[in-house]
């Protein structure tokens, strides 16, 4: 099945030429954006085994920064992308250092509390638009505004970012950092006994994850041109990242992408079928997916695929051969 990877990459490249029209172009861009965010979360939640439910704070920081520099100083929104990454790194360090003393669901609850605190502060801070939010330039002034009428330029921009993220993840998981992350995930106490600086490498995973999550938020704001506390810092932003990664397979390179390929069209279809009011049904379906995964396939669809293909390749038992 070595051809599946190249075939999938080729399909992503030619997608805008196969399914044309604003609806499919925007759905493709949303799919890649969801894959970027889920792949970023997968670094800390999948490889390092630290289940963060507060990644919306990094996404929101990245989404607010480009529109903030435009609103306050009339700078190109692109100039705010590094600012969002810097703010996310500071938050990751400030929150991660004390939170990594906690383990399991206690760490998850700490990240939820931190993200909700950030959302409340932003929702009441006039400098960043408070509950109203921020808007980008209505008309592109220069190419640095990255304001396009079609979703196709965003699609290919997101595709490049996703390739870079997956390439970096592939390199890291095969290096010392990847081995340390897997050791921490398998058993932190045992990893510490073997000399792994667990807290430091968990912090590295969180900061790297925060960097790309912030970048995903910036890309979202550049495409949509508007952000408010709920769409940037809402807990459902974090939940979507987790479900997308879990459906495809946490701790796998292409699991988040597979999850996005399934969930984004599902969400788009429900919203379209119910006139934009299908978000409630979407989250009911998300809940059903979580239950099914927890009951039948906690490892996600990739693990199911590997198990089924392994059965097909398994040699026939010796007794069965003699009977034949």
C-alpha atoms as a PDB file:
ATOM      1  CA  UNK A   1       0.000   0.000   0.000  1.00  0.00           C
ATOM      2  CA  UNK A   2       2.941   2.338  -0.531  1.00  0.00           C
ATOM      3  CA  UNK A   3       1.022   4.072  -3.296  1.00  0.00           C
ATOM      4  CA  UNK A   4      -1.599   5.441  -0.859  1.00  0.00           C
ATOM      5  CA  UNK A   5       0.642   8.275   0.383  1.00  0.00           C
ATOM      6  CA  UNK A   6       1.657   9.642  -3.035  1.00  0.00           C
ATOM      7  CA  UNK A   7      -1.892   9.153  -4.332  1.00  0.00           C
ATOM      8  CA  UNK A   8      -3.323  11.097  -1.406  1.00  0.00           C
ATOM      9  CA  UNK A   9      -0.802  13.909  -1.877  1.00  0.00           C
ATOM     10  CA  UNK A  10      -1.584  14.128  -5.589  1.00  0.00           C
ATOM     11  CA  UNK A  11      -5.300  14.214  -4.840  1.00  0.00           C
ATOM     12  CA  UNK A  12      -4.847  17.107  -2.420  1.00  0.00           C
ATOM     13  CA  UNK A  13      -2.829  19.034  -5.006  1.00  0.00           C
ATOM     14  CA  UNK A  14      -5.416  18.684  -7.777  1.00  0.00           C
ATOM     15  CA  UNK A  15      -8.497  18.930  -5.538  1.00  0.00           C
ATOM     16  CA  UNK A  16      -9.439  22.523  -6.556  1.00  0.00           C
ATOM     17  CA  UNK A  17      -9.392  21.447 -10.210  1.00  0.00           C
ATOM     18  CA  UNK A  18     -11.620  18.423  -9.565  1.00  0.00           C
ATOM     19  CA  UNK A  19     -14.258  19.982  -7.318  1.00  0.00           C
ATOM     20  CA  UNK A  20     -14.706  23.531  -8.534  1.00  0.00           C
ATOM     21  CA  UNK A  21     -16.932  26.269  -7.213  1.00  0.00           C
ATOM     22  CA  UNK A  22     -16.867  28.441  -4.065  1.00  0.00           C
ATOM     23  CA  UNK A  23     -18.563  25.815  -1.882  1.00  0.00           C
ATOM     24  CA  UNK A  24     -16.033  23.037  -2.524  1.00  0.00           C
ATOM     25  CA  UNK A  25     -13.069  25.423  -2.574  1.00  0.00           C
ATOM     26  CA  UNK A  26     -13.963  26.752   0.873  1.00  0.00           C
ATOM     27  CA  UNK A  27     -14.599  23.249   2.188  1.00  0.00           C
ATOM     28  CA  UNK A  28     -11.155  22.181   0.978  1.00  0.00           C
ATOM     29  CA  UNK A  29      -9.513  25.132   2.711  1.00  0.00           C
ATOM     30  CA  UNK A  30     -11.423  24.389   5.922  1.00  0.00           C
ATOM     31  CA  UNK A  31     -10.336  20.744   5.693  1.00  0.00           C
ATOM     32  CA  UNK A  32      -6.648  21.635   5.479  1.00  0.00           C
ATOM     33  CA  UNK A  33      -6.983  24.201   8.263  1.00  0.00           C
ATOM     34  CA  UNK A  34      -8.593  21.577  10.518  1.00  0.00           C
ATOM     35  CA  UNK A  35      -5.782  19.156   9.644  1.00  0.00           C
ATOM     36  CA  UNK A  36      -3.153  21.763  10.591  1.00  0.00           C
ATOM     37  CA  UNK A  37      -4.785  22.489  13.955  1.00  0.00           C
ATOM     38  CA  UNK A  38      -5.306  18.798  14.761  1.00  0.00           C
ATOM     39  CA  UNK A  39      -1.758  17.899  13.693  1.00  0.00           C
ATOM     40  CA  UNK A  40      -0.422  20.671  15.919  1.00  0.00           C
ATOM     41  CA  UNK A  41      -2.447  19.342  18.874  1.00  0.00           C
ATOM     42  CA  UNK A  42      -1.260  15.822  18.040  1.00  0.00           C
ATOM     43  CA  UNK A  43       2.323  16.771  18.901  1.00  0.00           C
ATOM     44  CA  UNK A  44       1.546  17.255  22.579  1.00  0.00           C
ATOM     45  CA  UNK A  45      -1.618  15.164  22.882  1.00  0.00           C
ATOM     46  CA  UNK A  46      -0.624  12.255  20.648  1.00  0.00           C
ATOM     47  CA  UNK A  47       3.144  11.886  20.760  1.00  0.00           C
ATOM     48  CA  UNK A  48       3.813  13.241  24.265  1.00  0.00           C
ATOM     49  CA  UNK A  49       0.548  11.891  25.690  1.00  0.00           C
ATOM     50  CA  UNK A  50      -0.490  15.153  27.409  1.00  0.00           C
ATOM     51  CA  UNK A  51      -4.202  15.653  26.695  1.00  0.00           C
ATOM     52  CA  UNK A  52      -4.675  19.406  26.476  1.00  0.00           C
ATOM     53  CA  UNK A  53      -8.278  20.614  26.252  1.00  0.00           C
ATOM     54  CA  UNK A  54      -7.250  24.254  26.221  1.00  0.00           C
ATOM     55  CA  UNK A  55      -5.521  24.624  22.866  1.00  0.00           C
ATOM     56  CA  UNK A  56      -8.112  27.205  21.871  1.00  0.00           C
ATOM     57  CA  UNK A  57      -6.060  29.797  23.762  1.00  0.00           C
ATOM     58  CA  UNK A  58      -3.199  29.343  21.291  1.00  0.00           C
ATOM     59  CA  UNK A  59      -5.554  29.273  18.310  1.00  0.00           C
ATOM     60  CA  UNK A  60      -7.263  32.438  19.525  1.00  0.00           C
ATOM     61  CA  UNK A  61      -3.988  34.252  20.175  1.00  0.00           C
ATOM     62  CA  UNK A  62      -2.902  33.513  16.621  1.00  0.00           C
ATOM     63  CA  UNK A  63      -6.285  34.579  15.228  1.00  0.00           C
ATOM     64  CA  UNK A  64      -6.469  37.865  17.126  1.00  0.00           C
ATOM     65  CA  UNK A  65      -2.930  39.092  16.487  1.00  0.00           C
ATOM     66  CA  UNK A  66      -3.184  39.731  12.688  1.00  0.00           C
ATOM     67  CA  UNK A  67      -6.489  41.578  12.985  1.00  0.00           C
ATOM     68  CA  UNK A  68      -5.296  43.492  16.045  1.00  0.00           C
ATOM     69  CA  UNK A  69      -2.243  44.961  14.297  1.00  0.00           C
ATOM     70  CA  UNK A  70      -4.503  45.996  11.411  1.00  0.00           C
ATOM     71  CA  UNK A  71      -7.205  47.530  13.621  1.00  0.00           C
ATOM     72  CA  UNK A  72      -4.868  49.408  15.950  1.00  0.00           C
ATOM     73  CA  UNK A  73      -1.936  50.341  13.730  1.00  0.00           C
ATOM     74  CA  UNK A  74      -3.171  49.752  10.161  1.00  0.00           C
ATOM     75  CA  UNK A  75      -0.358  47.276   9.538  1.00  0.00           C
ATOM     76  CA  UNK A  76      -0.803  44.362   7.135  1.00  0.00           C
ATOM     77  CA  UNK A  77      -2.427  41.466   9.006  1.00  0.00           C
ATOM     78  CA  UNK A  78       0.491  39.267   7.970  1.00  0.00           C
ATOM     79  CA  UNK A  79       2.666  41.310  10.349  1.00  0.00           C
ATOM     80  CA  UNK A  80       0.634  40.021  13.276  1.00  0.00           C
ATOM     81  CA  UNK A  81       1.402  36.347  12.644  1.00  0.00           C
ATOM     82  CA  UNK A  82       4.789  36.423  14.464  1.00  0.00           C
ATOM     83  CA  UNK A  83       3.145  38.363  17.295  1.00  0.00           C
ATOM     84  CA  UNK A  84       0.532  35.642  17.717  1.00  0.00           C
ATOM     85  CA  UNK A  85       3.214  32.951  17.783  1.00  0.00           C
ATOM     86  CA  UNK A  86       5.236  34.897  20.367  1.00  0.00           C
ATOM     87  CA  UNK A  87       2.197  35.364  22.615  1.00  0.00           C
ATOM     88  CA  UNK A  88       1.339  31.659  22.296  1.00  0.00           C
ATOM     89  CA  UNK A  89       4.868  30.636  23.237  1.00  0.00           C
ATOM     90  CA  UNK A  90       4.752  32.839  26.333  1.00  0.00           C
ATOM     91  CA  UNK A  91       1.380  31.363  27.332  1.00  0.00           C
ATOM     92  CA  UNK A  92       2.670  27.830  26.740  1.00  0.00           C
ATOM     93  CA  UNK A  93       5.678  28.453  28.982  1.00  0.00           C
ATOM     94  CA  UNK A  94       3.707  30.211  31.725  1.00  0.00           C
ATOM     95  CA  UNK A  95       0.917  27.627  31.777  1.00  0.00           C
ATOM     96  CA  UNK A  96       2.979  24.545  30.998  1.00  0.00           C
ATOM     97  CA  UNK A  97       5.649  24.889  33.661  1.00  0.00           C
ATOM     98  CA  UNK A  98       3.253  24.589  36.632  1.00  0.00           C
ATOM     99  CA  UNK A  99       0.627  22.466  34.860  1.00  0.00           C
ATOM    100  CA  UNK A 100       3.051  19.686  33.955  1.00  0.00           C
ATOM    101  CA  UNK A 101       3.349  18.918  37.650  1.00  0.00           C
ATOM    102  CA  UNK A 102      -0.153  17.499  37.211  1.00  0.00           C
ATOM    103  CA  UNK A 103      -0.933  14.265  35.392  1.00  0.00           C
ATOM    104  CA  UNK A 104      -3.831  12.687  33.591  1.00  0.00           C
ATOM    105  CA  UNK A 105      -7.202  14.382  33.815  1.00  0.00           C
ATOM    106  CA  UNK A 106      -5.866  16.930  36.311  1.00  0.00           C
ATOM    107  CA  UNK A 107      -3.625  18.356  33.586  1.00  0.00           C
ATOM    108  CA  UNK A 108      -6.587  18.408  31.176  1.00  0.00           C
ATOM    109  CA  UNK A 109      -8.722  20.320  33.693  1.00  0.00           C
ATOM    110  CA  UNK A 110      -5.907  22.819  34.250  1.00  0.00           C
ATOM    111  CA  UNK A 111      -5.715  23.556  30.510  1.00  0.00           C
ATOM    112  CA  UNK A 112      -9.503  24.011  30.323  1.00  0.00           C
ATOM    113  CA  UNK A 113      -9.376  26.483  33.219  1.00  0.00           C
ATOM    114  CA  UNK A 114      -6.522  28.445  31.632  1.00  0.00           C
ATOM    115  CA  UNK A 115      -8.277  28.640  28.252  1.00  0.00           C
ATOM    116  CA  UNK A 116     -11.562  29.769  29.798  1.00  0.00           C
ATOM    117  CA  UNK A 117      -9.757  32.424  31.804  1.00  0.00           C
ATOM    118  CA  UNK A 118      -8.123  33.758  28.635  1.00  0.00           C
ATOM    119  CA  UNK A 119     -11.500  33.765  26.843  1.00  0.00           C
ATOM    120  CA  UNK A 120     -13.165  35.745  29.641  1.00  0.00           C
ATOM    121  CA  UNK A 121     -10.328  38.278  29.760  1.00  0.00           C
ATOM    122  CA  UNK A 122     -10.394  38.803  25.985  1.00  0.00           C
ATOM    123  CA  UNK A 123     -14.209  39.055  25.984  1.00  0.00           C
ATOM    124  CA  UNK A 124     -14.030  41.964  28.436  1.00  0.00           C
ATOM    125  CA  UNK A 125     -10.941  43.777  27.104  1.00  0.00           C
ATOM    126  CA  UNK A 126     -11.838  46.772  24.955  1.00  0.00           C
ATOM    127  CA  UNK A 127      -8.360  46.970  23.425  1.00  0.00           C
ATOM    128  CA  UNK A 128      -8.969  43.706  21.564  1.00  0.00           C
ATOM    129  CA  UNK A 129     -12.600  44.414  20.720  1.00  0.00           C
ATOM    130  CA  UNK A 130     -14.161  42.815  23.829  1.00  0.00           C
ATOM    131  CA  UNK A 131     -17.239  40.720  22.997  1.00  0.00           C
ATOM    132  CA  UNK A 132     -17.644  42.321  19.551  1.00  0.00           C
ATOM    133  CA  UNK A 133     -14.334  41.047  18.182  1.00  0.00           C
ATOM    134  CA  UNK A 134     -12.124  42.380  15.402  1.00  0.00           C
ATOM    135  CA  UNK A 135     -12.414  42.688  11.620  1.00  0.00           C
ATOM    136  CA  UNK A 136      -9.758  42.712   8.928  1.00  0.00           C
ATOM    137  CA  UNK A 137      -9.443  44.976   5.887  1.00  0.00           C
ATOM    138  CA  UNK A 138     -12.659  44.931   3.811  1.00  0.00           C
ATOM    139  CA  UNK A 139     -10.651  45.309   0.597  1.00  0.00           C
ATOM    140  CA  UNK A 140      -7.103  44.134  -0.030  1.00  0.00           C
ATOM    141  CA  UNK A 141      -4.660  47.052   0.026  1.00  0.00           C
ATOM    142  CA  UNK A 142      -1.493  45.098  -0.758  1.00  0.00           C
ATOM    143  CA  UNK A 143      -0.602  41.448  -1.255  1.00  0.00           C
ATOM    144  CA  UNK A 144       0.567  41.388   2.391  1.00  0.00           C
ATOM    145  CA  UNK A 145      -3.068  41.617   3.498  1.00  0.00           C
ATOM    146  CA  UNK A 146      -3.561  38.099   2.081  1.00  0.00           C
ATOM    147  CA  UNK A 147      -7.150  38.979   1.254  1.00  0.00           C
ATOM    148  CA  UNK A 148      -8.435  36.961  -1.707  1.00  0.00           C
ATOM    149  CA  UNK A 149     -11.907  36.613  -3.151  1.00  0.00           C
ATOM    150  CA  UNK A 150     -11.410  32.950  -3.946  1.00  0.00           C
ATOM    151  CA  UNK A 151     -10.568  30.259  -1.409  1.00  0.00           C
ATOM    152  CA  UNK A 152      -8.083  28.597  -3.783  1.00  0.00           C
ATOM    153  CA  UNK A 153      -5.053  30.750  -2.772  1.00  0.00           C
ATOM    154  CA  UNK A 154      -5.836  30.001   0.875  1.00  0.00           C
ATOM    155  CA  UNK A 155      -6.126  26.320   0.013  1.00  0.00           C
ATOM    156  CA  UNK A 156      -2.613  26.122  -1.404  1.00  0.00           C
ATOM    157  CA  UNK A 157      -1.194  28.299   1.383  1.00  0.00           C
ATOM    158  CA  UNK A 158      -2.704  25.933   3.947  1.00  0.00           C
ATOM    159  CA  UNK A 159      -1.409  22.931   2.014  1.00  0.00           C
ATOM    160  CA  UNK A 160       2.159  24.261   2.161  1.00  0.00           C
ATOM    161  CA  UNK A 161       1.870  24.866   5.918  1.00  0.00           C
ATOM    162  CA  UNK A 162       0.465  21.361   6.443  1.00  0.00           C
ATOM    163  CA  UNK A 163       3.312  19.784   4.453  1.00  0.00           C
ATOM    164  CA  UNK A 164       5.883  21.705   6.527  1.00  0.00           C
ATOM    165  CA  UNK A 165       4.186  20.673   9.776  1.00  0.00           C
ATOM    166  CA  UNK A 166       3.953  17.006   8.805  1.00  0.00           C
ATOM    167  CA  UNK A 167       7.542  17.019   7.560  1.00  0.00           C
ATOM    168  CA  UNK A 168       8.798  18.507  10.821  1.00  0.00           C
ATOM    169  CA  UNK A 169       6.726  16.042  12.850  1.00  0.00           C
ATOM    170  CA  UNK A 170       8.108  13.151  10.792  1.00  0.00           C
ATOM    171  CA  UNK A 171      11.664  14.250  11.505  1.00  0.00           C
ATOM    172  CA  UNK A 172      11.042  14.815  15.217  1.00  0.00           C
ATOM    173  CA  UNK A 173       9.327  11.496  15.830  1.00  0.00           C
ATOM    174  CA  UNK A 174      12.378   9.681  14.426  1.00  0.00           C
ATOM    175  CA  UNK A 175      14.861  11.638  16.522  1.00  0.00           C
ATOM    176  CA  UNK A 176      15.750  11.777  20.194  1.00  0.00           C
ATOM    177  CA  UNK A 177      12.834  14.057  20.999  1.00  0.00           C
ATOM    178  CA  UNK A 178      10.362  11.612  19.473  1.00  0.00           C
ATOM    179  CA  UNK A 179      11.823   8.711  21.465  1.00  0.00           C
ATOM    180  CA  UNK A 180      11.587  10.760  24.663  1.00  0.00           C
ATOM    181  CA  UNK A 181       7.978  11.691  23.925  1.00  0.00           C
ATOM    182  CA  UNK A 182       7.012   8.056  23.368  1.00  0.00           C
ATOM    183  CA  UNK A 183       8.787   7.058  26.584  1.00  0.00           C
ATOM    184  CA  UNK A 184       6.873   9.724  28.512  1.00  0.00           C
ATOM    185  CA  UNK A 185       3.616   8.609  26.961  1.00  0.00           C
ATOM    186  CA  UNK A 186       4.273   4.965  27.824  1.00  0.00           C
ATOM    187  CA  UNK A 187       5.083   5.756  31.458  1.00  0.00           C
ATOM    188  CA  UNK A 188       6.439   9.008  32.805  1.00  0.00           C
ATOM    189  CA  UNK A 189       7.775   7.534  36.036  1.00  0.00           C
ATOM    190  CA  UNK A 190       9.654   4.819  34.172  1.00  0.00           C
ATOM    191  CA  UNK A 191      10.980   7.385  31.700  1.00  0.00           C
ATOM    192  CA  UNK A 192      12.278   9.539  34.547  1.00  0.00           C
ATOM    193  CA  UNK A 193      14.003   6.544  36.090  1.00  0.00           C
ATOM    194  CA  UNK A 194      15.854   6.042  32.807  1.00  0.00           C
ATOM    195  CA  UNK A 195      17.095   9.627  32.800  1.00  0.00           C
ATOM    196  CA  UNK A 196      14.525  11.267  30.511  1.00  0.00           C
ATOM    197  CA  UNK A 197      13.989  14.950  31.505  1.00  0.00           C
ATOM    198  CA  UNK A 198      10.226  14.486  31.227  1.00  0.00           C
ATOM    199  CA  UNK A 199       9.028  17.931  32.247  1.00  0.00           C
ATOM    200  CA  UNK A 200      11.400  19.712  29.894  1.00  0.00           C
ATOM    201  CA  UNK A 201      10.428  17.591  26.892  1.00  0.00           C
ATOM    202  CA  UNK A 202       6.742  17.905  27.660  1.00  0.00           C
ATOM    203  CA  UNK A 203       7.259  21.658  27.636  1.00  0.00           C
ATOM    204  CA  UNK A 204       9.065  21.410  24.284  1.00  0.00           C
ATOM    205  CA  UNK A 205       6.079  19.493  22.882  1.00  0.00           C
ATOM    206  CA  UNK A 206       3.611  22.071  24.207  1.00  0.00           C
ATOM    207  CA  UNK A 207       5.570  25.029  22.834  1.00  0.00           C
ATOM    208  CA  UNK A 208       5.979  23.448  19.397  1.00  0.00           C
ATOM    209  CA  UNK A 209       2.296  22.535  19.392  1.00  0.00           C
ATOM    210  CA  UNK A 210       1.354  26.063  20.469  1.00  0.00           C
ATOM    211  CA  UNK A 211       3.425  27.541  17.629  1.00  0.00           C
ATOM    212  CA  UNK A 212       1.560  25.687  14.886  1.00  0.00           C
ATOM    213  CA  UNK A 213      -1.811  26.026  16.605  1.00  0.00           C
ATOM    214  CA  UNK A 214      -1.262  29.779  16.694  1.00  0.00           C
ATOM    215  CA  UNK A 215      -0.316  29.692  13.015  1.00  0.00           C
ATOM    216  CA  UNK A 216      -3.566  27.828  12.289  1.00  0.00           C
ATOM    217  CA  UNK A 217      -5.481  30.559  14.112  1.00  0.00           C
ATOM    218  CA  UNK A 218      -3.726  33.260  12.102  1.00  0.00           C
ATOM    219  CA  UNK A 219      -4.538  31.492   8.843  1.00  0.00           C
ATOM    220  CA  UNK A 220      -8.172  31.206   9.910  1.00  0.00           C
ATOM    221  CA  UNK A 221      -8.399  34.928  10.686  1.00  0.00           C
ATOM    222  CA  UNK A 222      -6.701  35.875   7.415  1.00  0.00           C
ATOM    223  CA  UNK A 223      -9.215  33.821   5.451  1.00  0.00           C
ATOM    224  CA  UNK A 224     -12.381  34.735   7.379  1.00  0.00           C
ATOM    225  CA  UNK A 225     -11.455  38.353   8.143  1.00  0.00           C
ATOM    226  CA  UNK A 226     -13.254  38.354  11.484  1.00  0.00           C
ATOM    227  CA  UNK A 227     -12.708  36.928  14.950  1.00  0.00           C
ATOM    228  CA  UNK A 228     -14.552  37.114  18.267  1.00  0.00           C
ATOM    229  CA  UNK A 229     -13.958  35.434  21.666  1.00  0.00           C
ATOM    230  CA  UNK A 230     -16.192  32.432  20.949  1.00  0.00           C
ATOM    231  CA  UNK A 231     -14.825  31.604  17.490  1.00  0.00           C
ATOM    232  CA  UNK A 232     -11.246  32.121  18.661  1.00  0.00           C
ATOM    233  CA  UNK A 233     -11.153  30.947  22.267  1.00  0.00           C
ATOM    234  CA  UNK A 234     -14.317  28.831  22.638  1.00  0.00           C
ATOM    235  CA  UNK A 235     -13.900  25.376  24.130  1.00  0.00           C
ATOM    236  CA  UNK A 236     -15.421  23.819  21.005  1.00  0.00           C
ATOM    237  CA  UNK A 237     -12.328  24.948  19.096  1.00  0.00           C
ATOM    238  CA  UNK A 238     -10.240  22.688  21.326  1.00  0.00           C
ATOM    239  CA  UNK A 239     -12.784  19.866  21.164  1.00  0.00           C
ATOM    240  CA  UNK A 240     -12.725  19.854  17.357  1.00  0.00           C
ATOM    241  CA  UNK A 241      -8.939  19.513  17.339  1.00  0.00           C
ATOM    242  CA  UNK A 242      -9.092  16.558  19.723  1.00  0.00           C
ATOM    243  CA  UNK A 243     -11.894  14.750  17.893  1.00  0.00           C
ATOM    244  CA  UNK A 244     -10.253  15.266  14.508  1.00  0.00           C
ATOM    245  CA  UNK A 245      -6.972  13.786  15.735  1.00  0.00           C
ATOM    246  CA  UNK A 246      -8.660  10.968  17.683  1.00  0.00           C
ATOM    247  CA  UNK A 247     -10.820   9.846  14.765  1.00  0.00           C
ATOM    248  CA  UNK A 248      -7.856   9.372  12.450  1.00  0.00           C
ATOM    249  CA  UNK A 249      -5.464   8.182  15.149  1.00  0.00           C
ATOM    250  CA  UNK A 250      -3.578  10.116  17.819  1.00  0.00           C
ATOM    251  CA  UNK A 251       0.168   9.717  17.816  1.00  0.00           C
ATOM    252  CA  UNK A 252       0.222   8.960  14.080  1.00  0.00           C
ATOM    253  CA  UNK A 253       1.504  11.231  11.354  1.00  0.00           C
ATOM    254  CA  UNK A 254      -1.506  11.182   9.038  1.00  0.00           C
ATOM    255  CA  UNK A 255      -4.241  10.458  11.585  1.00  0.00           C
ATOM    256  CA  UNK A 256      -5.311  14.115  12.002  1.00  0.00           C
ATOM    257  CA  UNK A 257      -5.497  14.565   8.221  1.00  0.00           C
ATOM    258  CA  UNK A 258      -7.719  11.496   7.868  1.00  0.00           C
ATOM    259  CA  UNK A 259      -9.925  12.753  10.678  1.00  0.00           C
ATOM    260  CA  UNK A 260     -10.257  16.130   8.955  1.00  0.00           C
ATOM    261  CA  UNK A 261     -11.139  14.473   5.641  1.00  0.00           C
ATOM    262  CA  UNK A 262     -14.087  12.792   7.377  1.00  0.00           C
ATOM    263  CA  UNK A 263     -15.248  15.411   9.865  1.00  0.00           C
ATOM    264  CA  UNK A 264     -15.054  18.636   7.848  1.00  0.00           C
ATOM    265  CA  UNK A 265     -17.340  17.435   5.010  1.00  0.00           C
ATOM    266  CA  UNK A 266     -19.659  16.028   7.686  1.00  0.00           C
ATOM    267  CA  UNK A 267     -19.823  19.381   9.448  1.00  0.00           C
ATOM    268  CA  UNK A 268     -20.231  21.265   6.169  1.00  0.00           C
ATOM    269  CA  UNK A 269     -23.022  18.943   5.056  1.00  0.00           C
ATOM    270  CA  UNK A 270     -25.006  19.312   8.274  1.00  0.00           C
ATOM    271  CA  UNK A 271     -24.627  23.094   8.269  1.00  0.00           C
ATOM    272  CA  UNK A 272     -25.732  23.264   4.632  1.00  0.00           C
ATOM    273  CA  UNK A 273     -28.653  20.867   5.096  1.00  0.00           C
ATOM    274  CA  UNK A 274     -30.056  22.874   7.979  1.00  0.00           C
ATOM    275  CA  UNK A 275     -29.428  26.347   6.585  1.00  0.00           C
ATOM    276  CA  UNK A 276     -26.392  27.101   8.712  1.00  0.00           C
ATOM    277  CA  UNK A 277     -28.114  25.907  11.869  1.00  0.00           C
ATOM    278  CA  UNK A 278     -26.739  22.383  11.837  1.00  0.00           C
ATOM    279  CA  UNK A 279     -23.974  23.033  14.355  1.00  0.00           C
ATOM    280  CA  UNK A 280     -26.030  21.399  17.098  1.00  0.00           C
ATOM    281  CA  UNK A 281     -26.444  18.240  15.029  1.00  0.00           C
ATOM    282  CA  UNK A 282     -22.748  18.347  14.185  1.00  0.00           C
ATOM    283  CA  UNK A 283     -21.781  18.215  17.828  1.00  0.00           C
ATOM    284  CA  UNK A 284     -24.282  15.431  18.487  1.00  0.00           C
ATOM    285  CA  UNK A 285     -22.520  13.471  15.746  1.00  0.00           C
ATOM    286  CA  UNK A 286     -19.171  14.377  17.286  1.00  0.00           C
ATOM    287  CA  UNK A 287     -20.384  12.967  20.610  1.00  0.00           C
ATOM    288  CA  UNK A 288     -21.497   9.791  18.873  1.00  0.00           C
ATOM    289  CA  UNK A 289     -18.090   9.469  17.219  1.00  0.00           C
ATOM    290  CA  UNK A 290     -16.378   9.815  20.601  1.00  0.00           C
ATOM    291  CA  UNK A 291     -18.556   7.063  22.074  1.00  0.00           C
ATOM    292  CA  UNK A 292     -17.900   4.729  19.153  1.00  0.00           C
ATOM    293  CA  UNK A 293     -14.151   5.346  19.300  1.00  0.00           C
ATOM    294  CA  UNK A 294     -14.017   4.825  23.050  1.00  0.00           C
ATOM    295  CA  UNK A 295     -16.017   1.600  22.804  1.00  0.00           C
ATOM    296  CA  UNK A 296     -14.691  -0.067  19.658  1.00  0.00           C
ATOM    297  CA  UNK A 297     -11.521   1.603  18.353  1.00  0.00           C
ATOM    298  CA  UNK A 298      -9.663   3.914  20.802  1.00  0.00           C
ATOM    299  CA  UNK A 299      -6.668   3.986  18.458  1.00  0.00           C
ATOM    300  CA  UNK A 300      -8.632   5.576  15.610  1.00  0.00           C
ATOM    301  CA  UNK A 301      -9.186   4.598  12.007  1.00  0.00           C
ATOM    302  CA  UNK A 302      -5.504   4.197  11.148  1.00  0.00           C
ATOM    303  CA  UNK A 303      -5.036   1.599  13.858  1.00  0.00           C
ATOM    304  CA  UNK A 304      -8.106  -0.223  12.566  1.00  0.00           C
ATOM    305  CA  UNK A 305      -6.648  -0.131   9.035  1.00  0.00           C
ATOM    306  CA  UNK A 306      -3.276  -1.456  10.174  1.00  0.00           C
ATOM    307  CA  UNK A 307      -4.912  -4.278  12.101  1.00  0.00           C
ATOM    308  CA  UNK A 308      -7.096  -5.328   9.172  1.00  0.00           C
ATOM    309  CA  UNK A 309      -4.199  -5.261   6.697  1.00  0.00           C
ATOM    310  CA  UNK A 310      -2.010  -7.200   9.146  1.00  0.00           C
ATOM    311  CA  UNK A 311      -4.632  -9.934   9.281  1.00  0.00           C
ATOM    312  CA  UNK A 312      -4.660 -10.175   5.511  1.00  0.00           C
ATOM    313  CA  UNK A 313      -0.880 -10.470   5.363  1.00  0.00           C
ATOM    314  CA  UNK A 314      -0.646 -12.961   8.215  1.00  0.00           C
ATOM    315  CA  UNK A 315       0.575 -16.388   7.040  1.00  0.00           C
ATOM    316  CA  UNK A 316      -1.944 -19.197   6.993  1.00  0.00           C
ATOM    317  CA  UNK A 317      -1.690 -21.481  10.051  1.00  0.00           C
ATOM    318  CA  UNK A 318       0.253 -24.722   9.443  1.00  0.00           C
ATOM    319  CA  UNK A 319      -2.739 -26.899  10.425  1.00  0.00           C
ATOM    320  CA  UNK A 320      -4.931 -25.156   7.846  1.00  0.00           C
ATOM    321  CA  UNK A 321      -2.319 -25.759   5.139  1.00  0.00           C
ATOM    322  CA  UNK A 322      -2.174 -29.487   5.880  1.00  0.00           C
ATOM    323  CA  UNK A 323      -5.965 -29.694   5.964  1.00  0.00           C
ATOM    324  CA  UNK A 324      -6.085 -28.076   2.537  1.00  0.00           C
END
